[in-house]
Structure formats: structure tokens, C-alpha cells
Amino acid sequence: MKEFFAMGGYAFYVWTSYGLALVVLTINLLAPIRQRRRLLTDIARRMRRARRER
């Protein structure tokens, strides 16, 4: 098991690349969710404002 985690002396590079890939994938999952939520909030705000102006 120790050999597996050491990755033949390249553990730092291998685990860093795994970590970076995980960060990028997480951002790719969460960014559209945040953007959609922000867009829906903005649309609701504009609709409320348009109703008040009538």
C-alpha cells in the first residue's frame, strides 16, 4: 500500500494532478448552478420591479 501512495517517487506530481482535476471538476459542476440561481433571482427582481411600475 505504501508503494501505491508513493507512486514510484512521483507521488507529489500524481496527487497534485488528481487534486487539480478534482478542483476543476467541482468548479465545472458548481459554477452553472450558481449562475442559474443568480439568473433566476435577477429575473424575479426584474418582474417585481415591472409589476410595481404599472
PDB file of N, CA and C in Angstrom:
ATOM      1  N   MET A   1       0.836  -1.193   0.000  1.00  0.00           N
ATOM      2  CA  MET A   1       0.000   0.000   0.000  1.00  0.00           C
ATOM      3  C   MET A   1       0.880   1.257   0.000  1.00  0.00           C
ATOM      4  N   LYS A   2       1.966   1.186   0.733  1.00  0.00           N
ATOM      5  CA  LYS A   2       2.877   2.322   0.801  1.00  0.00           C
ATOM      6  C   LYS A   2       3.434   2.649  -0.587  1.00  0.00           C
ATOM      7  N   GLU A   3       3.741   1.610  -1.351  1.00  0.00           N
ATOM      8  CA  GLU A   3       4.244   1.800  -2.714  1.00  0.00           C
ATOM      9  C   GLU A   3       3.214   2.490  -3.597  1.00  0.00           C
ATOM     10  N   PHE A   4       1.960   2.092  -3.419  1.00  0.00           N
ATOM     11  CA  PHE A   4       0.886   2.699  -4.214  1.00  0.00           C
ATOM     12  C   PHE A   4       0.822   4.199  -3.972  1.00  0.00           C
ATOM     13  N   PHE A   5       0.866   4.611  -2.713  1.00  0.00           N
ATOM     14  CA  PHE A   5       0.776   6.034  -2.396  1.00  0.00           C
ATOM     15  C   PHE A   5       2.050   6.792  -2.756  1.00  0.00           C
ATOM     16  N   ALA A   6       3.185   6.112  -2.794  1.00  0.00           N
ATOM     17  CA  ALA A   6       4.446   6.754  -3.168  1.00  0.00           C
ATOM     18  C   ALA A   6       4.532   6.943  -4.684  1.00  0.00           C
ATOM     19  N   MET A   7       3.817   6.135  -5.458  1.00  0.00           N
ATOM     20  CA  MET A   7       3.753   6.233  -6.914  1.00  0.00           C
ATOM     21  C   MET A   7       5.138   6.214  -7.560  1.00  0.00           C
ATOM     22  N   GLY A   8       6.009   5.393  -7.034  1.00  0.00           N
ATOM     23  CA  GLY A   8       7.333   5.249  -7.641  1.00  0.00           C
ATOM     24  C   GLY A   8       8.160   6.521  -7.586  1.00  0.00           C
ATOM     25  N   GLY A   9       7.948   7.353  -6.591  1.00  0.00           N
ATOM     26  CA  GLY A   9       8.718   8.587  -6.452  1.00  0.00           C
ATOM     27  C   GLY A   9       8.040   9.789  -7.091  1.00  0.00           C
ATOM     28  N   TYR A  10       6.929   9.583  -7.761  1.00  0.00           N
ATOM     29  CA  TYR A  10       6.228  10.676  -8.441  1.00  0.00           C
ATOM     30  C   TYR A  10       4.923  11.044  -7.728  1.00  0.00           C
ATOM     31  N   ALA A  11       4.810  10.678  -6.478  1.00  0.00           N
ATOM     32  CA  ALA A  11       3.555  10.868  -5.743  1.00  0.00           C
ATOM     33  C   ALA A  11       3.122  12.325  -5.719  1.00  0.00           C
ATOM     34  N   PHE A  12       4.045  13.241  -5.490  1.00  0.00           N
ATOM     35  CA  PHE A  12       3.676  14.657  -5.412  1.00  0.00           C
ATOM     36  C   PHE A  12       2.994  15.109  -6.697  1.00  0.00           C
ATOM     37  N   TYR A  13       3.563  14.755  -7.834  1.00  0.00           N
ATOM     38  CA  TYR A  13       3.018  15.176  -9.121  1.00  0.00           C
ATOM     39  C   TYR A  13       1.691  14.485  -9.426  1.00  0.00           C
ATOM     40  N   VAL A  14       1.624  13.208  -9.110  1.00  0.00           N
ATOM     41  CA  VAL A  14       0.398  12.450  -9.379  1.00  0.00           C
ATOM     42  C   VAL A  14      -0.739  12.957  -8.507  1.00  0.00           C
ATOM     43  N   TRP A  15      -0.515  13.078  -7.205  1.00  0.00           N
ATOM     44  CA  TRP A  15      -1.591  13.503  -6.303  1.00  0.00           C
ATOM     45  C   TRP A  15      -1.960  14.971  -6.525  1.00  0.00           C
ATOM     46  N   THR A  16      -0.983  15.786  -6.921  1.00  0.00           N
ATOM     47  CA  THR A  16      -1.294  17.178  -7.251  1.00  0.00           C
ATOM     48  C   THR A  16      -2.192  17.247  -8.483  1.00  0.00           C
ATOM     49  N   SER A  17      -1.903  16.432  -9.480  1.00  0.00           N
ATOM     50  CA  SER A  17      -2.739  16.440 -10.687  1.00  0.00           C
ATOM     51  C   SER A  17      -4.133  15.911 -10.377  1.00  0.00           C
ATOM     52  N   TYR A  18      -4.253  14.900  -9.525  1.00  0.00           N
ATOM     53  CA  TYR A  18      -5.574  14.419  -9.112  1.00  0.00           C
ATOM     54  C   TYR A  18      -6.334  15.522  -8.372  1.00  0.00           C
ATOM     55  N   GLY A  19      -5.643  16.205  -7.496  1.00  0.00           N
ATOM     56  CA  GLY A  19      -6.279  17.285  -6.737  1.00  0.00           C
ATOM     57  C   GLY A  19      -6.743  18.415  -7.638  1.00  0.00           C
ATOM     58  N   LEU A  20      -5.896  18.805  -8.578  1.00  0.00           N
ATOM     59  CA  LEU A  20      -6.268  19.853  -9.526  1.00  0.00           C
ATOM     60  C   LEU A  20      -7.462  19.433 -10.381  1.00  0.00           C
ATOM     61  N   ALA A  21      -7.460  18.193 -10.826  1.00  0.00           N
ATOM     62  CA  ALA A  21      -8.580  17.688 -11.627  1.00  0.00           C
ATOM     63  C   ALA A  21      -9.867  17.725 -10.803  1.00  0.00           C
ATOM     64  N   LEU A  22      -9.785  17.360  -9.550  1.00  0.00           N
ATOM     65  CA  LEU A  22     -10.959  17.391  -8.676  1.00  0.00           C
ATOM     66  C   LEU A  22     -11.469  18.821  -8.494  1.00  0.00           C
ATOM     67  N   VAL A  23     -10.565  19.764  -8.322  1.00  0.00           N
ATOM     68  CA  VAL A  23     -10.953  21.170  -8.175  1.00  0.00           C
ATOM     69  C   VAL A  23     -11.648  21.668  -9.444  1.00  0.00           C
ATOM     70  N   VAL A  24     -11.078  21.360 -10.601  1.00  0.00           N
ATOM     71  CA  VAL A  24     -11.668  21.805 -11.867  1.00  0.00           C
ATOM     72  C   VAL A  24     -13.044  21.181 -12.072  1.00  0.00           C
ATOM     73  N   LEU A  25     -13.172  19.900 -11.803  1.00  0.00           N
ATOM     74  CA  LEU A  25     -14.472  19.240 -11.948  1.00  0.00           C
ATOM     75  C   LEU A  25     -15.508  19.827 -10.994  1.00  0.00           C
ATOM     76  N   THR A  26     -15.105  20.125  -9.782  1.00  0.00           N
ATOM     77  CA  THR A  26     -16.019  20.724  -8.814  1.00  0.00           C
ATOM     78  C   THR A  26     -16.477  22.101  -9.289  1.00  0.00           C
ATOM     79  N   ILE A  27     -15.554  22.892  -9.779  1.00  0.00           N
ATOM     80  CA  ILE A  27     -15.910  24.216 -10.301  1.00  0.00           C
ATOM     81  C   ILE A  27     -16.854  24.077 -11.491  1.00  0.00           C
ATOM     82  N   ASN A  28     -16.571  23.106 -12.371  1.00  0.00           N
ATOM     83  CA  ASN A  28     -17.432  22.891 -13.532  1.00  0.00           C
ATOM     84  C   ASN A  28     -18.833  22.439 -13.137  1.00  0.00           C
ATOM     85  N   LEU A  29     -18.970  21.832 -11.996  1.00  0.00           N
ATOM     86  CA  LEU A  29     -20.293  21.436 -11.516  1.00  0.00           C
ATOM     87  C   LEU A  29     -21.008  22.579 -10.812  1.00  0.00           C
ATOM     88  N   LEU A  30     -20.289  23.338 -10.005  1.00  0.00           N
ATOM     89  CA  LEU A  30     -20.930  24.352  -9.167  1.00  0.00           C
ATOM     90  C   LEU A  30     -21.162  25.682  -9.868  1.00  0.00           C
ATOM     91  N   ALA A  31     -20.316  26.053 -10.798  1.00  0.00           N
ATOM     92  CA  ALA A  31     -20.452  27.354 -11.467  1.00  0.00           C
ATOM     93  C   ALA A  31     -21.793  27.511 -12.183  1.00  0.00           C
ATOM     94  N   PRO A  32     -22.233  26.539 -12.976  1.00  0.00           N
ATOM     95  CA  PRO A  32     -23.536  26.706 -13.641  1.00  0.00           C
ATOM     96  C   PRO A  32     -24.699  26.759 -12.649  1.00  0.00           C
ATOM     97  N   ILE A  33     -24.590  26.034 -11.558  1.00  0.00           N
ATOM     98  CA  ILE A  33     -25.650  26.054 -10.543  1.00  0.00           C
ATOM     99  C   ILE A  33     -25.751  27.448  -9.937  1.00  0.00           C
ATOM    100  N   ARG A  34     -24.609  28.036  -9.581  1.00  0.00           N
ATOM    101  CA  ARG A  34     -24.606  29.396  -9.025  1.00  0.00           C
ATOM    102  C   ARG A  34     -25.112  30.404 -10.043  1.00  0.00           C
ATOM    103  N   GLN A  35     -24.686  30.251 -11.292  1.00  0.00           N
ATOM    104  CA  GLN A  35     -25.099  31.179 -12.337  1.00  0.00           C
ATOM    105  C   GLN A  35     -26.606  31.096 -12.566  1.00  0.00           C
ATOM    106  N   ARG A  36     -27.156  29.896 -12.572  1.00  0.00           N
ATOM    107  CA  ARG A  36     -28.601  29.725 -12.761  1.00  0.00           C
ATOM    108  C   ARG A  36     -29.369  30.372 -11.615  1.00  0.00           C
ATOM    109  N   ARG A  37     -28.912  30.150 -10.389  1.00  0.00           N
ATOM    110  CA  ARG A  37     -29.570  30.731  -9.216  1.00  0.00           C
ATOM    111  C   ARG A  37     -29.543  32.258  -9.293  1.00  0.00           C
ATOM    112  N   ARG A  38     -28.396  32.809  -9.679  1.00  0.00           N
ATOM    113  CA  ARG A  38     -28.252  34.251  -9.807  1.00  0.00           C
ATOM    114  C   ARG A  38     -29.173  34.797 -10.901  1.00  0.00           C
ATOM    115  N   LEU A  39     -29.253  34.081 -12.026  1.00  0.00           N
ATOM    116  CA  LEU A  39     -30.111  34.493 -13.135  1.00  0.00           C
ATOM    117  C   LEU A  39     -31.583  34.478 -12.727  1.00  0.00           C
ATOM    118  N   LEU A  40     -32.013  33.421 -12.049  1.00  0.00           N
ATOM    119  CA  LEU A  40     -33.406  33.343 -11.607  1.00  0.00           C
ATOM    120  C   LEU A  40     -33.741  34.451 -10.603  1.00  0.00           C
ATOM    121  N   THR A  41     -32.823  34.764  -9.723  1.00  0.00           N
ATOM    122  CA  THR A  41     -33.023  35.856  -8.769  1.00  0.00           C
ATOM    123  C   THR A  41     -33.154  37.185  -9.502  1.00  0.00           C
ATOM    124  N   ASP A  42     -32.302  37.394 -10.491  1.00  0.00           N
ATOM    125  CA  ASP A  42     -32.345  38.628 -11.274  1.00  0.00           C
ATOM    126  C   ASP A  42     -33.659  38.747 -12.042  1.00  0.00           C
ATOM    127  N   ILE A  43     -34.116  37.660 -12.639  1.00  0.00           N
ATOM    128  CA  ILE A  43     -35.390  37.680 -13.373  1.00  0.00           C
ATOM    129  C   ILE A  43     -36.541  37.990 -12.428  1.00  0.00           C
ATOM    130  N   ALA A  44     -36.562  37.358 -11.265  1.00  0.00           N
ATOM    131  CA  ALA A  44     -37.628  37.614 -10.293  1.00  0.00           C
ATOM    132  C   ALA A  44     -37.610  39.071  -9.849  1.00  0.00           C
ATOM    133  N   ARG A  45     -36.425  39.629  -9.631  1.00  0.00           N
ATOM    134  CA  ARG A  45     -36.304  41.025  -9.217  1.00  0.00           C
ATOM    135  C   ARG A  45     -36.843  41.953 -10.313  1.00  0.00           C
ATOM    136  N   ARG A  46     -36.503  41.662 -11.555  1.00  0.00           N
ATOM    137  CA  ARG A  46     -36.986  42.489 -12.667  1.00  0.00           C
ATOM    138  C   ARG A  46     -38.506  42.394 -12.816  1.00  0.00           C
ATOM    139  N   MET A  47     -39.052  41.203 -12.609  1.00  0.00           N
ATOM    140  CA  MET A  47     -40.501  41.038 -12.717  1.00  0.00           C
ATOM    141  C   MET A  47     -41.221  41.815 -11.617  1.00  0.00           C
ATOM    142  N   ARG A  48     -40.695  41.767 -10.393  1.00  0.00           N
ATOM    143  CA  ARG A  48     -41.298  42.529  -9.291  1.00  0.00           C
ATOM    144  C   ARG A  48     -41.237  44.026  -9.590  1.00  0.00           C
ATOM    145  N   ARG A  49     -40.096  44.480 -10.109  1.00  0.00           N
ATOM    146  CA  ARG A  49     -39.926  45.895 -10.438  1.00  0.00           C
ATOM    147  C   ARG A  49     -40.916  46.298 -11.544  1.00  0.00           C
ATOM    148  N   ALA A  50     -41.100  45.438 -12.544  1.00  0.00           N
ATOM    149  CA  ALA A  50     -42.016  45.740 -13.640  1.00  0.00           C
ATOM    150  C   ALA A  50     -43.459  45.799 -13.143  1.00  0.00           C
ATOM    151  N   ARG A  51     -43.824  44.954 -12.199  1.00  0.00           N
ATOM    152  CA  ARG A  51     -45.181  44.994 -11.631  1.00  0.00           C
ATOM    153  C   ARG A  51     -45.426  46.283 -10.868  1.00  0.00           C
ATOM    154  N   ARG A  52     -44.419  46.738 -10.141  1.00  0.00           N
ATOM    155  CA  ARG A  52     -44.571  47.969  -9.352  1.00  0.00           C
ATOM    156  C   ARG A  52     -44.696  49.202 -10.229  1.00  0.00           C
ATOM    157  N   GLU A  53     -44.076  49.176 -11.414  1.00  0.00           N
ATOM    158  CA  GLU A  53     -44.087  50.336 -12.304  1.00  0.00           C
ATOM    159  C   GLU A  53     -45.408  50.491 -13.052  1.00  0.00           C
ATOM    160  N   ARG A  54     -46.249  49.491 -13.056  1.00  0.00           N
ATOM    161  CA  ARG A  54     -47.521  49.570 -13.766  1.00  0.00           C
ATOM    162  C   ARG A  54     -48.475  50.490 -13.113  1.00  0.00           C
TER     163      ARG A  54
END
